[in-house]
Amino acid sequence: MIMQKILLIFGALVIAIGLLWPILSRLPFAKLPLDFSIKIAGTQLFIPFGTCILISIFLTLLLRLFR
């Protein structure tokens, strides 16, 4: 029962992010100081360390708030 709720919430979040992607892609999250973009032989690799740290801090504060 709990797993079903988790999967439904996760699915709803994925759908919401997909629908809001044109708006979310304009936010400056991918341009933080620790976000690296490497181009090698026509292939581009994006490593978002700064974005991951920011999201982790935000989620930690959010979860501690609602605990």
N, C-alpha and C. Protein backbone atom coordinates (compact mmCIF):
# COMPACT_ATOMS: atom_id res chain seq x y z
N MET A 1 0.82 -1.20 0.00
CA MET A 1 0.00 0.00 0.00
C MET A 1 0.86 1.26 0.00
N ILE A 2 1.91 1.27 0.83
CA ILE A 2 2.77 2.44 0.90
C ILE A 2 3.56 2.59 -0.39
N MET A 3 4.03 1.46 -0.95
CA MET A 3 4.81 1.51 -2.19
C MET A 3 3.97 2.06 -3.34
N GLN A 4 2.70 1.76 -3.38
CA GLN A 4 1.81 2.28 -4.42
C GLN A 4 1.70 3.80 -4.33
N LYS A 5 1.60 4.31 -3.11
CA LYS A 5 1.51 5.76 -2.93
C LYS A 5 2.80 6.45 -3.36
N ILE A 6 3.93 5.83 -3.02
CA ILE A 6 5.22 6.41 -3.40
C ILE A 6 5.35 6.44 -4.92
N LEU A 7 4.97 5.37 -5.58
CA LEU A 7 5.06 5.33 -7.04
C LEU A 7 4.10 6.32 -7.70
N LEU A 8 2.91 6.50 -7.14
CA LEU A 8 1.98 7.47 -7.68
C LEU A 8 2.50 8.90 -7.52
N ILE A 9 3.07 9.19 -6.37
CA ILE A 9 3.63 10.53 -6.14
C ILE A 9 4.81 10.77 -7.06
N PHE A 10 5.69 9.77 -7.20
CA PHE A 10 6.85 9.90 -8.08
C PHE A 10 6.40 10.11 -9.53
N GLY A 11 5.40 9.36 -9.97
CA GLY A 11 4.88 9.51 -11.32
C GLY A 11 4.27 10.89 -11.54
N ALA A 12 3.54 11.39 -10.55
CA ALA A 12 2.95 12.72 -10.66
C ALA A 12 4.03 13.79 -10.73
N LEU A 13 5.11 13.62 -9.98
CA LEU A 13 6.21 14.58 -10.03
C LEU A 13 6.90 14.57 -11.39
N VAL A 14 7.09 13.38 -11.95
CA VAL A 14 7.73 13.29 -13.27
C VAL A 14 6.86 13.96 -14.33
N ILE A 15 5.55 13.74 -14.26
CA ILE A 15 4.63 14.36 -15.21
C ILE A 15 4.63 15.89 -15.04
N ALA A 16 4.62 16.35 -13.79
CA ALA A 16 4.61 17.80 -13.53
C ALA A 16 5.90 18.45 -14.05
N ILE A 17 7.03 17.81 -13.81
CA ILE A 17 8.30 18.36 -14.29
C ILE A 17 8.32 18.37 -15.82
N GLY A 18 7.79 17.32 -16.43
CA GLY A 18 7.73 17.27 -17.88
C GLY A 18 6.86 18.37 -18.47
N LEU A 19 5.75 18.64 -17.84
CA LEU A 19 4.86 19.70 -18.33
C LEU A 19 5.44 21.09 -18.10
N LEU A 20 6.18 21.25 -17.01
CA LEU A 20 6.75 22.55 -16.69
C LEU A 20 8.17 22.74 -17.23
N TRP A 21 8.67 21.78 -18.02
CA TRP A 21 10.05 21.86 -18.49
C TRP A 21 10.38 23.13 -19.28
N PRO A 22 9.50 23.64 -20.16
CA PRO A 22 9.85 24.88 -20.86
C PRO A 22 10.13 26.05 -19.90
N ILE A 23 9.43 26.09 -18.79
CA ILE A 23 9.65 27.15 -17.80
C ILE A 23 10.88 26.83 -16.96
N LEU A 24 11.03 25.56 -16.54
CA LEU A 24 12.14 25.18 -15.68
C LEU A 24 13.49 25.27 -16.38
N SER A 25 13.52 25.07 -17.68
CA SER A 25 14.79 25.12 -18.40
C SER A 25 15.35 26.53 -18.50
N ARG A 26 14.54 27.54 -18.27
CA ARG A 26 15.01 28.93 -18.30
C ARG A 26 15.62 29.37 -16.98
N LEU A 27 15.44 28.59 -15.91
CA LEU A 27 16.00 28.95 -14.61
C LEU A 27 17.52 28.81 -14.65
N PRO A 28 18.23 29.62 -13.88
CA PRO A 28 19.70 29.62 -13.97
C PRO A 28 20.40 28.53 -13.17
N PHE A 29 19.75 27.39 -12.92
CA PHE A 29 20.37 26.34 -12.12
C PHE A 29 21.58 25.71 -12.80
N ALA A 30 21.60 25.60 -14.10
CA ALA A 30 22.68 24.91 -14.81
C ALA A 30 23.90 25.79 -15.01
N LYS A 31 23.94 26.94 -14.39
CA LYS A 31 25.05 27.86 -14.57
C LYS A 31 25.70 28.22 -13.24
N LEU A 32 25.66 27.31 -12.29
CA LEU A 32 26.29 27.54 -10.99
C LEU A 32 27.80 27.33 -11.10
N PRO A 33 28.59 27.87 -10.17
CA PRO A 33 30.04 27.76 -10.27
C PRO A 33 30.60 26.33 -10.31
N LEU A 34 29.98 25.38 -9.66
CA LEU A 34 30.50 24.01 -9.66
C LEU A 34 29.87 23.12 -10.73
N ASP A 35 29.17 23.68 -11.68
CA ASP A 35 28.60 22.91 -12.79
C ASP A 35 29.61 22.93 -13.94
N PHE A 36 30.06 21.75 -14.35
CA PHE A 36 31.08 21.64 -15.37
C PHE A 36 30.49 21.12 -16.66
N SER A 37 30.93 21.67 -17.76
CA SER A 37 30.54 21.22 -19.09
C SER A 37 31.81 20.95 -19.88
N ILE A 38 31.99 19.72 -20.33
CA ILE A 38 33.21 19.31 -21.02
C ILE A 38 32.83 18.84 -22.42
N LYS A 39 33.54 19.34 -23.43
CA LYS A 39 33.32 18.91 -24.81
C LYS A 39 34.55 18.13 -25.27
N ILE A 40 34.33 16.87 -25.65
CA ILE A 40 35.41 16.01 -26.12
C ILE A 40 34.96 15.33 -27.41
N ALA A 41 35.64 15.61 -28.49
CA ALA A 41 35.41 14.95 -29.78
C ALA A 41 33.94 14.97 -30.20
N GLY A 42 33.31 16.11 -30.10
CA GLY A 42 31.92 16.24 -30.54
C GLY A 42 30.90 15.75 -29.52
N THR A 43 31.34 15.28 -28.37
CA THR A 43 30.44 14.82 -27.32
C THR A 43 30.52 15.80 -26.15
N GLN A 44 29.37 16.16 -25.61
CA GLN A 44 29.35 17.09 -24.49
C GLN A 44 28.92 16.35 -23.23
N LEU A 45 29.68 16.54 -22.16
CA LEU A 45 29.39 15.93 -20.86
C LEU A 45 29.11 17.06 -19.87
N PHE A 46 27.98 16.98 -19.19
CA PHE A 46 27.60 18.01 -18.22
C PHE A 46 27.59 17.37 -16.84
N ILE A 47 28.37 17.93 -15.91
CA ILE A 47 28.48 17.42 -14.55
C ILE A 47 27.97 18.51 -13.60
N PRO A 48 26.75 18.35 -13.06
CA PRO A 48 26.13 19.42 -12.26
C PRO A 48 26.37 19.31 -10.76
N PHE A 49 27.63 19.42 -10.31
CA PHE A 49 27.92 19.33 -8.89
C PHE A 49 27.23 20.43 -8.09
N GLY A 50 27.32 21.66 -8.55
CA GLY A 50 26.72 22.79 -7.84
C GLY A 50 25.21 22.67 -7.73
N THR A 51 24.56 22.24 -8.81
CA THR A 51 23.11 22.07 -8.80
C THR A 51 22.71 20.96 -7.84
N CYS A 52 23.47 19.88 -7.81
CA CYS A 52 23.16 18.77 -6.90
C CYS A 52 23.29 19.20 -5.44
N ILE A 53 24.32 19.98 -5.14
CA ILE A 53 24.51 20.46 -3.77
C ILE A 53 23.36 21.39 -3.38
N LEU A 54 22.97 22.29 -4.27
CA LEU A 54 21.87 23.21 -3.98
C LEU A 54 20.55 22.47 -3.77
N ILE A 55 20.26 21.51 -4.62
CA ILE A 55 19.03 20.72 -4.47
C ILE A 55 19.06 19.90 -3.18
N SER A 56 20.22 19.35 -2.83
CA SER A 56 20.35 18.58 -1.60
C SER A 56 20.09 19.44 -0.37
N ILE A 57 20.64 20.63 -0.35
CA ILE A 57 20.41 21.54 0.78
C ILE A 57 18.94 21.92 0.87
N PHE A 58 18.33 22.24 -0.27
CA PHE A 58 16.92 22.62 -0.30
C PHE A 58 16.03 21.47 0.20
N LEU A 59 16.26 20.26 -0.29
CA LEU A 59 15.44 19.12 0.13
C LEU A 59 15.66 18.77 1.59
N THR A 60 16.89 18.91 2.08
CA THR A 60 17.17 18.66 3.49
C THR A 60 16.39 19.63 4.38
N LEU A 61 16.44 20.91 4.02
CA LEU A 61 15.70 21.91 4.80
C LEU A 61 14.19 21.67 4.72
N LEU A 62 13.70 21.31 3.54
CA LEU A 62 12.28 21.06 3.36
C LEU A 62 11.82 19.85 4.17
N LEU A 63 12.59 18.78 4.15
CA LEU A 63 12.22 17.58 4.90
C LEU A 63 12.32 17.79 6.40
N ARG A 64 13.30 18.56 6.86
CA ARG A 64 13.40 18.86 8.29
C ARG A 64 12.25 19.76 8.74
N LEU A 65 11.77 20.62 7.86
CA LEU A 65 10.67 21.51 8.18
C LEU A 65 9.37 20.73 8.40
N PHE A 66 9.13 19.73 7.55
CA PHE A 66 7.90 18.96 7.62
C PHE A 66 8.02 17.68 8.46
N ARG A 67 9.09 17.51 9.16
CA ARG A 67 9.29 16.32 9.97
C ARG A 67 8.52 16.35 11.25
